[in-house]
Amino acid sequence: MVPIYRTDGEWVAVYTKGNLFNVDGEWIGFAVGRDVYDTGGLYLGFLSDDKRLLRKRTRPTDKLRLEPPPRPKRPKMPANMPLAPLLRSLPHQIIDMFEEYPERLIYVSETRPDME
């Protein structure tokens, strides 16, 4: 399991066996090489060397929607992860997906009751 961090150093996901899971163990995407796609097959970004999910600010036109693989089994999540390495600041044209678009990476089960 490889921990994935947000730019502020927060542990937000894990990458294991070609899939990305949030800290609750919910499947949020799959990887093809370093490119990451959501559970519907839409391009999210790429995994950086410093363990972040990044994307160019402008949406790439060459990344087509892919057929997602079958839903993987939920992994046994660790209670904690090592602290994030020192993360460098990002240039303006690169964004951290967990900071800019957290709503695309938060899985909310349709079987959960609505909050009142």
Protein backbone atom coordinates (compact mmCIF):
# COMPACT_ATOMS: atom_id res chain seq x y z
CA MET A 1 0.00 0.00 0.00
CA VAL A 2 1.30 3.38 -1.02
CA PRO A 3 -0.08 6.36 0.92
CA ILE A 4 -1.36 9.31 -1.12
CA TYR A 5 -1.11 12.75 0.46
CA ARG A 6 -2.71 16.13 -0.08
CA THR A 7 -0.34 19.07 -0.61
CA ASP A 8 -0.81 20.16 3.02
CA GLY A 9 0.55 16.76 4.15
CA GLU A 10 -2.75 15.12 5.09
CA TRP A 11 -3.03 11.39 4.30
CA VAL A 12 -6.10 11.13 2.03
CA ALA A 13 -5.89 7.84 0.12
CA VAL A 14 -3.93 4.68 -0.61
CA TYR A 15 -2.83 3.17 -3.88
CA THR A 16 -2.75 -0.60 -4.00
CA LYS A 17 -2.91 -3.18 -6.80
CA GLY A 18 -3.76 -0.58 -9.45
CA ASN A 19 -6.61 1.00 -7.47
CA LEU A 20 -7.07 4.11 -5.34
CA PHE A 21 -9.05 3.96 -2.09
CA ASN A 22 -9.91 6.77 0.32
CA VAL A 23 -8.96 6.46 4.00
CA ASP A 24 -12.33 4.81 4.74
CA GLY A 25 -11.52 2.04 2.24
CA GLU A 26 -14.00 3.19 -0.41
CA TRP A 27 -12.88 2.67 -4.03
CA ILE A 28 -12.39 6.06 -5.70
CA GLY A 29 -10.51 5.14 -8.85
CA PHE A 30 -8.11 3.00 -10.81
CA ALA A 31 -4.76 3.60 -12.42
CA VAL A 32 -3.45 2.93 -15.90
CA GLY A 33 0.28 3.47 -15.58
CA ARG A 34 0.49 6.73 -13.63
CA ASP A 35 -2.82 8.10 -14.94
CA VAL A 36 -5.74 7.81 -12.51
CA TYR A 37 -9.39 7.50 -13.54
CA ASP A 38 -12.48 7.67 -11.31
CA THR A 39 -14.89 4.76 -10.85
CA GLY A 40 -16.83 5.89 -13.93
CA GLY A 41 -13.73 5.93 -16.13
CA LEU A 42 -13.19 9.72 -16.27
CA TYR A 43 -9.63 11.04 -16.08
CA LEU A 44 -8.71 12.47 -12.68
CA GLY A 45 -4.98 13.13 -12.90
CA PHE A 46 -1.62 11.46 -12.44
CA LEU A 47 0.28 10.07 -9.48
CA SER A 48 3.36 12.17 -8.81
CA ASP A 49 6.71 10.95 -7.51
CA ASP A 50 5.98 12.59 -4.16
CA LYS A 51 2.75 10.58 -3.68
CA ARG A 52 0.09 13.12 -4.68
CA LEU A 53 -2.75 13.02 -7.21
CA LEU A 54 -2.07 15.96 -9.52
CA ARG A 55 -3.47 17.28 -12.80
CA LYS A 56 -2.79 20.13 -15.18
CA ARG A 57 -5.17 23.01 -14.53
CA THR A 58 -6.53 22.81 -18.09
CA ARG A 59 -8.45 19.62 -18.77
CA PRO A 60 -6.49 17.36 -21.15
CA THR A 61 -8.33 16.57 -24.37
CA ASP A 62 -6.35 13.42 -25.14
CA LYS A 63 -7.59 11.49 -22.07
CA LEU A 64 -10.67 9.58 -23.17
CA ARG A 65 -13.17 7.91 -20.88
CA LEU A 66 -12.13 4.34 -20.12
CA GLU A 67 -14.20 1.31 -19.25
CA PRO A 68 -13.71 0.85 -15.50
CA PRO A 69 -12.60 -2.53 -14.19
CA PRO A 70 -14.87 -4.53 -11.88
CA ARG A 71 -15.14 -3.07 -8.38
CA PRO A 72 -12.20 -4.38 -6.33
CA LYS A 73 -12.54 -5.83 -2.88
CA ARG A 74 -12.22 -3.35 -0.05
CA PRO A 75 -8.69 -3.52 1.39
CA LYS A 76 -7.90 -3.76 5.07
CA MET A 77 -6.90 -0.18 5.79
CA PRO A 78 -4.06 0.63 8.19
CA ALA A 79 -4.85 2.68 11.28
CA ASN A 80 -2.25 5.28 10.32
CA MET A 81 0.44 6.06 7.77
CA PRO A 82 3.89 7.60 7.96
CA LEU A 83 4.07 11.36 7.89
CA ALA A 84 4.15 12.92 4.45
CA PRO A 85 7.53 13.72 2.94
CA LEU A 86 8.37 17.38 2.52
CA LEU A 87 6.13 18.35 -0.40
CA ARG A 88 7.26 21.08 -2.76
CA SER A 89 4.87 23.81 -3.81
CA LEU A 90 3.10 23.32 -7.12
CA PRO A 91 3.44 25.58 -10.15
CA HIS A 92 0.30 27.48 -11.14
CA GLN A 93 -0.53 25.13 -14.03
CA ILE A 94 -0.62 22.01 -11.78
CA ILE A 95 -3.35 21.38 -9.20
CA ASP A 96 -3.75 18.90 -6.37
CA MET A 97 -7.01 17.05 -7.07
CA PHE A 98 -7.73 16.39 -3.40
CA GLU A 99 -7.58 20.14 -2.72
CA GLU A 100 -9.28 21.52 -5.83
CA TYR A 101 -11.96 18.86 -6.44
CA PRO A 102 -12.53 16.92 -3.22
CA GLU A 103 -16.17 16.30 -4.21
CA ARG A 104 -15.01 14.09 -7.10
CA LEU A 105 -12.97 11.97 -4.71
CA ILE A 106 -15.41 11.54 -1.86
CA TYR A 107 -17.55 8.45 -2.23
CA VAL A 108 -20.96 8.66 -0.62
CA SER A 109 -22.85 5.39 -0.62
CA GLU A 110 -26.37 5.53 -1.98
CA THR A 111 -27.38 3.10 0.74
CA ARG A 112 -26.56 5.54 3.54
CA PRO A 113 -29.56 7.37 4.97
CA ASP A 114 -29.80 11.08 4.20
CA MET A 115 -28.72 13.50 6.90
CA GLU A 116 -31.56 15.46 8.42
